[in-house]
Amino acid sequence: MNTPLTNDGSTASRSDVTHGLRSYNLDGNSSLRAAMDAFEAHMQQQGFSENTAKAFMSDLGILTQFIGAGTAVRHISTSDLNRFSEWLVADRGVPCSPKSLARRVTTLKVFFGWLSESG
């Protein structure tokens, strides 16, 4: 198996994600926005359908409205995600059907699962 290289030619770690000419090296201090950008690149590389990728990014965009795009991913807790789910249903001011809520929960599981696997 070949070891991937970053854009500067150095060896990439498991948490390096290449997106065009930019390379992301994510850790717990990375912002939610940086993690989202890397996740979007990951979805493209893995062949996620265009509709799935758009829906996931839209859902994560709503998360940034709630938590803040600059929040370090290590500071996002299960409690925050539970409050986010409650906010979607009761306090956001935009209807959230059970089907939409289920997809948004799936988005969170996939995104945070990917972050966890990425190191």
N, C-alpha and C. Protein backbone atom coordinates (compact mmCIF):
# COMPACT_ATOMS: atom_id res chain seq x y z
N MET A 1 0.83 -1.17 0.00
CA MET A 1 0.00 0.00 0.00
C MET A 1 0.88 1.24 0.00
N ASN A 2 0.59 2.20 -0.87
CA ASN A 2 1.36 3.44 -0.94
C ASN A 2 0.98 4.38 0.18
N THR A 3 1.97 5.08 0.73
CA THR A 3 1.70 6.10 1.74
C THR A 3 1.36 7.39 1.02
N PRO A 4 0.21 7.99 1.32
CA PRO A 4 -0.16 9.22 0.63
C PRO A 4 0.77 10.36 1.00
N LEU A 5 0.91 11.31 0.08
CA LEU A 5 1.74 12.48 0.30
C LEU A 5 0.87 13.72 0.37
N THR A 6 1.30 14.70 1.17
CA THR A 6 0.60 15.98 1.22
C THR A 6 1.04 16.79 0.03
N ASN A 7 0.45 17.96 -0.14
CA ASN A 7 0.77 18.81 -1.28
C ASN A 7 2.22 19.26 -1.30
N ASP A 8 2.90 19.30 -0.14
CA ASP A 8 4.30 19.72 -0.11
C ASP A 8 5.26 18.53 -0.26
N GLY A 9 4.72 17.33 -0.50
CA GLY A 9 5.54 16.15 -0.72
C GLY A 9 5.86 15.35 0.53
N SER A 10 5.47 15.85 1.70
CA SER A 10 5.73 15.10 2.92
C SER A 10 4.71 13.98 3.07
N THR A 11 5.04 13.02 3.91
CA THR A 11 4.15 11.88 4.13
C THR A 11 2.92 12.33 4.89
N ALA A 12 1.76 11.88 4.43
CA ALA A 12 0.50 12.24 5.08
C ALA A 12 0.18 11.26 6.19
N SER A 13 -0.36 11.77 7.27
CA SER A 13 -0.85 10.90 8.33
C SER A 13 -2.28 10.51 8.01
N ARG A 14 -2.86 9.64 8.84
CA ARG A 14 -4.26 9.23 8.63
C ARG A 14 -5.20 10.42 8.68
N SER A 15 -4.83 11.49 9.42
CA SER A 15 -5.75 12.61 9.55
C SER A 15 -5.50 13.70 8.52
N ASP A 16 -4.56 13.49 7.59
CA ASP A 16 -4.38 14.44 6.50
C ASP A 16 -5.39 14.14 5.41
N VAL A 17 -6.08 15.16 4.94
CA VAL A 17 -7.05 14.99 3.88
C VAL A 17 -6.72 16.01 2.81
N THR A 18 -6.51 15.56 1.58
CA THR A 18 -6.19 16.46 0.49
C THR A 18 -7.46 16.88 -0.22
N HIS A 19 -7.58 18.17 -0.45
CA HIS A 19 -8.75 18.74 -1.13
C HIS A 19 -8.23 19.75 -2.13
N GLY A 20 -8.13 19.35 -3.41
CA GLY A 20 -7.58 20.25 -4.41
C GLY A 20 -6.13 20.53 -4.07
N LEU A 21 -5.81 21.83 -3.96
CA LEU A 21 -4.44 22.22 -3.64
C LEU A 21 -4.22 22.43 -2.15
N ARG A 22 -5.28 22.22 -1.36
CA ARG A 22 -5.17 22.44 0.08
C ARG A 22 -5.10 21.11 0.81
N SER A 23 -4.34 21.08 1.86
CA SER A 23 -4.24 19.88 2.68
C SER A 23 -4.65 20.23 4.10
N TYR A 24 -5.46 19.38 4.71
CA TYR A 24 -5.92 19.59 6.07
C TYR A 24 -5.28 18.56 6.97
N ASN A 25 -4.76 19.02 8.08
CA ASN A 25 -4.24 18.12 9.10
C ASN A 25 -5.09 18.37 10.33
N LEU A 26 -6.08 17.52 10.54
CA LEU A 26 -7.04 17.73 11.60
C LEU A 26 -6.59 17.13 12.92
N ASP A 27 -6.91 17.83 13.98
CA ASP A 27 -6.76 17.29 15.33
C ASP A 27 -7.90 17.84 16.17
N GLY A 28 -7.90 17.56 17.44
CA GLY A 28 -8.98 17.99 18.31
C GLY A 28 -9.15 19.49 18.39
N ASN A 29 -8.10 20.24 18.08
CA ASN A 29 -8.18 21.70 18.12
C ASN A 29 -8.66 22.30 16.80
N SER A 30 -8.86 21.47 15.79
CA SER A 30 -9.34 21.97 14.50
C SER A 30 -10.75 22.51 14.67
N SER A 31 -11.04 23.55 13.93
CA SER A 31 -12.38 24.14 14.00
C SER A 31 -13.39 23.24 13.31
N LEU A 32 -14.63 23.42 13.71
CA LEU A 32 -15.71 22.69 13.05
C LEU A 32 -15.69 22.98 11.55
N ARG A 33 -15.45 24.22 11.15
CA ARG A 33 -15.40 24.58 9.72
C ARG A 33 -14.30 23.81 9.00
N ALA A 34 -13.10 23.74 9.58
CA ALA A 34 -11.99 23.00 8.95
C ALA A 34 -12.35 21.53 8.81
N ALA A 35 -12.95 20.97 9.85
CA ALA A 35 -13.35 19.56 9.80
C ALA A 35 -14.41 19.34 8.73
N MET A 36 -15.34 20.28 8.61
CA MET A 36 -16.37 20.17 7.57
C MET A 36 -15.76 20.20 6.17
N ASP A 37 -14.80 21.10 5.97
CA ASP A 37 -14.14 21.18 4.66
C ASP A 37 -13.43 19.87 4.32
N ALA A 38 -12.74 19.31 5.32
CA ALA A 38 -12.05 18.04 5.10
C ALA A 38 -13.05 16.91 4.86
N PHE A 39 -14.16 16.93 5.58
CA PHE A 39 -15.19 15.91 5.41
C PHE A 39 -15.80 15.99 4.01
N GLU A 40 -16.00 17.20 3.52
CA GLU A 40 -16.53 17.36 2.17
C GLU A 40 -15.57 16.73 1.15
N ALA A 41 -14.28 16.97 1.33
CA ALA A 41 -13.28 16.35 0.45
C ALA A 41 -13.32 14.83 0.56
N HIS A 42 -13.44 14.35 1.78
CA HIS A 42 -13.53 12.90 2.01
C HIS A 42 -14.72 12.31 1.27
N MET A 43 -15.87 12.97 1.37
CA MET A 43 -17.07 12.46 0.70
C MET A 43 -16.85 12.39 -0.81
N GLN A 44 -16.21 13.40 -1.37
CA GLN A 44 -15.92 13.40 -2.81
C GLN A 44 -14.99 12.24 -3.16
N GLN A 45 -13.94 12.06 -2.36
CA GLN A 45 -12.97 10.99 -2.61
C GLN A 45 -13.60 9.62 -2.48
N GLN A 46 -14.56 9.47 -1.59
CA GLN A 46 -15.20 8.18 -1.35
C GLN A 46 -16.39 7.93 -2.28
N GLY A 47 -16.74 8.90 -3.11
CA GLY A 47 -17.81 8.70 -4.07
C GLY A 47 -19.21 8.79 -3.50
N PHE A 48 -19.38 9.56 -2.42
CA PHE A 48 -20.73 9.80 -1.91
C PHE A 48 -21.55 10.43 -3.03
N SER A 49 -22.82 10.14 -3.10
CA SER A 49 -23.65 10.76 -4.13
C SER A 49 -23.70 12.26 -3.90
N GLU A 50 -23.92 13.00 -4.97
CA GLU A 50 -23.98 14.46 -4.88
C GLU A 50 -25.09 14.90 -3.92
N ASN A 51 -26.25 14.24 -3.99
CA ASN A 51 -27.36 14.61 -3.11
C ASN A 51 -27.04 14.33 -1.64
N THR A 52 -26.39 13.22 -1.37
CA THR A 52 -26.01 12.91 0.01
C THR A 52 -25.01 13.93 0.52
N ALA A 53 -24.01 14.23 -0.27
CA ALA A 53 -22.99 15.20 0.15
C ALA A 53 -23.62 16.57 0.40
N LYS A 54 -24.51 17.00 -0.47
CA LYS A 54 -25.18 18.30 -0.28
C LYS A 54 -26.02 18.30 0.99
N ALA A 55 -26.76 17.22 1.22
CA ALA A 55 -27.60 17.13 2.41
C ALA A 55 -26.74 17.13 3.67
N PHE A 56 -25.66 16.35 3.68
CA PHE A 56 -24.78 16.29 4.85
C PHE A 56 -24.17 17.66 5.12
N MET A 57 -23.69 18.35 4.08
CA MET A 57 -23.08 19.66 4.28
C MET A 57 -24.11 20.68 4.75
N SER A 58 -25.32 20.58 4.25
CA SER A 58 -26.38 21.47 4.71
C SER A 58 -26.66 21.23 6.20
N ASP A 59 -26.76 19.97 6.58
CA ASP A 59 -27.00 19.63 7.99
C ASP A 59 -25.87 20.14 8.88
N LEU A 60 -24.63 19.98 8.42
CA LEU A 60 -23.50 20.45 9.20
C LEU A 60 -23.47 21.98 9.25
N GLY A 61 -23.95 22.63 8.20
CA GLY A 61 -24.07 24.08 8.21
C GLY A 61 -25.03 24.55 9.30
N ILE A 62 -26.11 23.81 9.48
CA ILE A 62 -27.06 24.14 10.56
C ILE A 62 -26.38 23.93 11.91
N LEU A 63 -25.57 22.89 12.03
CA LEU A 63 -24.83 22.66 13.27
C LEU A 63 -23.92 23.86 13.57
N THR A 64 -23.27 24.42 12.55
CA THR A 64 -22.39 25.57 12.78
C THR A 64 -23.19 26.78 13.26
N GLN A 65 -24.43 26.92 12.81
CA GLN A 65 -25.27 28.01 13.31
C GLN A 65 -25.51 27.86 14.80
N PHE A 66 -25.65 26.64 15.24
CA PHE A 66 -25.95 26.35 16.64
C PHE A 66 -24.70 26.42 17.52
N ILE A 67 -23.61 25.82 17.06
CA ILE A 67 -22.40 25.67 17.89
C ILE A 67 -21.35 26.73 17.59
N GLY A 68 -21.26 27.15 16.33
CA GLY A 68 -20.24 28.10 15.90
C GLY A 68 -19.18 27.42 15.06
N ALA A 69 -18.91 28.00 13.89
CA ALA A 69 -17.96 27.40 12.94
C ALA A 69 -16.55 27.32 13.49
N GLY A 70 -16.19 28.21 14.40
CA GLY A 70 -14.84 28.23 14.94
C GLY A 70 -14.63 27.35 16.16
N THR A 71 -15.67 26.68 16.60
CA THR A 71 -15.55 25.81 17.78
C THR A 71 -14.62 24.64 17.48
N ALA A 72 -13.69 24.39 18.37
CA ALA A 72 -12.79 23.24 18.22
C ALA A 72 -13.61 21.96 18.34
N VAL A 73 -13.37 21.01 17.45
CA VAL A 73 -14.17 19.79 17.45
C VAL A 73 -14.07 19.03 18.77
N ARG A 74 -12.95 19.15 19.47
CA ARG A 74 -12.83 18.44 20.75
C ARG A 74 -13.72 19.02 21.82
N HIS A 75 -14.23 20.23 21.60
CA HIS A 75 -15.12 20.86 22.58
C HIS A 75 -16.59 20.58 22.31
N ILE A 76 -16.88 19.80 21.28
CA ILE A 76 -18.27 19.45 20.96
C ILE A 76 -18.59 18.13 21.64
N SER A 77 -19.53 18.19 22.57
CA SER A 77 -19.85 17.01 23.38
C SER A 77 -21.16 16.37 22.94
N THR A 78 -21.38 15.18 23.44
CA THR A 78 -22.66 14.50 23.21
C THR A 78 -23.81 15.36 23.72
N SER A 79 -23.59 16.02 24.83
CA SER A 79 -24.61 16.92 25.39
C SER A 79 -24.93 18.04 24.41
N ASP A 80 -23.90 18.61 23.77
CA ASP A 80 -24.12 19.65 22.75
C ASP A 80 -24.97 19.12 21.61
N LEU A 81 -24.68 17.90 21.18
CA LEU A 81 -25.41 17.31 20.05
C LEU A 81 -26.85 17.00 20.44
N ASN A 82 -27.06 16.58 21.67
CA ASN A 82 -28.43 16.36 22.15
C ASN A 82 -29.20 17.67 22.20
N ARG A 83 -28.54 18.75 22.68
CA ARG A 83 -29.19 20.06 22.71
C ARG A 83 -29.47 20.55 21.30
N PHE A 84 -28.57 20.25 20.36
CA PHE A 84 -28.77 20.61 18.96
C PHE A 84 -30.01 19.93 18.41
N SER A 85 -30.16 18.64 18.70
CA SER A 85 -31.34 17.90 18.23
C SER A 85 -32.62 18.50 18.81
N GLU A 86 -32.59 18.83 20.07
CA GLU A 86 -33.76 19.45 20.71
C GLU A 86 -34.07 20.81 20.07
N TRP A 87 -33.03 21.57 19.80
CA TRP A 87 -33.18 22.89 19.17
C TRP A 87 -33.81 22.76 17.78
N LEU A 88 -33.37 21.75 17.02
CA LEU A 88 -33.93 21.54 15.68
C LEU A 88 -35.44 21.34 15.73
N VAL A 89 -35.88 20.58 16.71
CA VAL A 89 -37.29 20.22 16.80
C VAL A 89 -38.12 21.33 17.44
N ALA A 90 -37.60 21.95 18.49
CA ALA A 90 -38.45 22.83 19.30
C ALA A 90 -38.17 24.33 19.19
N ASP A 91 -36.92 24.71 18.95
CA ASP A 91 -36.57 26.11 19.11
C ASP A 91 -36.00 26.81 17.87
N ARG A 92 -35.72 26.10 16.82
CA ARG A 92 -35.09 26.71 15.65
C ARG A 92 -36.03 27.64 14.91
N GLY A 93 -37.32 27.38 15.00
CA GLY A 93 -38.28 28.23 14.32
C GLY A 93 -38.56 27.79 12.89
N VAL A 94 -37.98 26.67 12.49
CA VAL A 94 -38.21 26.09 11.17
C VAL A 94 -38.66 24.66 11.41
N PRO A 95 -39.78 24.24 10.81
CA PRO A 95 -40.25 22.86 11.06
C PRO A 95 -39.18 21.82 10.72
N CYS A 96 -39.09 20.81 11.55
CA CYS A 96 -38.16 19.70 11.32
C CYS A 96 -38.96 18.41 11.45
N SER A 97 -39.24 17.79 10.32
CA SER A 97 -40.02 16.56 10.32
C SER A 97 -39.21 15.42 10.93
N PRO A 98 -39.87 14.37 11.37
CA PRO A 98 -39.14 13.21 11.90
C PRO A 98 -38.13 12.66 10.88
N LYS A 99 -38.49 12.67 9.60
CA LYS A 99 -37.58 12.17 8.56
C LYS A 99 -36.33 13.06 8.45
N SER A 100 -36.53 14.38 8.49
CA SER A 100 -35.38 15.30 8.44
C SER A 100 -34.51 15.15 9.67
N LEU A 101 -35.13 15.02 10.83
CA LEU A 101 -34.36 14.84 12.06
C LEU A 101 -33.54 13.55 11.99
N ALA A 102 -34.14 12.48 11.49
CA ALA A 102 -33.42 11.21 11.37
C ALA A 102 -32.21 11.35 10.45
N ARG A 103 -32.38 12.06 9.33
CA ARG A 103 -31.24 12.25 8.42
C ARG A 103 -30.17 13.10 9.08
N ARG A 104 -30.56 14.12 9.83
CA ARG A 104 -29.58 14.98 10.49
C ARG A 104 -28.82 14.20 11.57
N VAL A 105 -29.48 13.33 12.26
CA VAL A 105 -28.80 12.47 13.24
C VAL A 105 -27.83 11.55 12.51
N THR A 106 -28.24 11.01 11.37
CA THR A 106 -27.33 10.18 10.57
C THR A 106 -26.11 10.98 10.14
N THR A 107 -26.33 12.22 9.70
CA THR A 107 -25.22 13.10 9.32
C THR A 107 -24.23 13.22 10.47
N LEU A 108 -24.74 13.49 11.67
CA LEU A 108 -23.86 13.64 12.83
C LEU A 108 -23.09 12.36 13.12
N LYS A 109 -23.76 11.22 13.02
CA LYS A 109 -23.09 9.93 13.26
C LYS A 109 -21.97 9.69 12.25
N VAL A 110 -22.27 9.95 10.98
CA VAL A 110 -21.26 9.72 9.94
C VAL A 110 -20.10 10.69 10.10
N PHE A 111 -20.40 11.97 10.30
CA PHE A 111 -19.36 13.00 10.42
C PHE A 111 -18.47 12.74 11.63
N PHE A 112 -19.06 12.58 12.81
CA PHE A 112 -18.25 12.39 14.00
C PHE A 112 -17.58 11.02 14.03
N GLY A 113 -18.21 10.03 13.40
CA GLY A 113 -17.55 8.72 13.25
C GLY A 113 -16.31 8.83 12.38
N TRP A 114 -16.43 9.58 11.28
CA TRP A 114 -15.29 9.81 10.40
C TRP A 114 -14.19 10.56 11.14
N LEU A 115 -14.56 11.60 11.90
CA LEU A 115 -13.56 12.34 12.66
C LEU A 115 -12.82 11.43 13.64
N SER A 116 -13.56 10.58 14.31
CA SER A 116 -12.97 9.66 15.28
C SER A 116 -12.01 8.69 14.60
N GLU A 117 -12.40 8.16 13.46
CA GLU A 117 -11.55 7.22 12.70
C GLU A 117 -10.32 7.91 12.14
N SER A 118 -10.44 9.21 11.86
CA SER A 118 -9.36 9.96 11.25
C SER A 118 -8.27 10.34 12.24
N GLY A 119 -8.51 10.10 13.49
CA GLY A 119 -7.47 10.34 14.47
C GLY A 119 -7.78 11.45 15.38
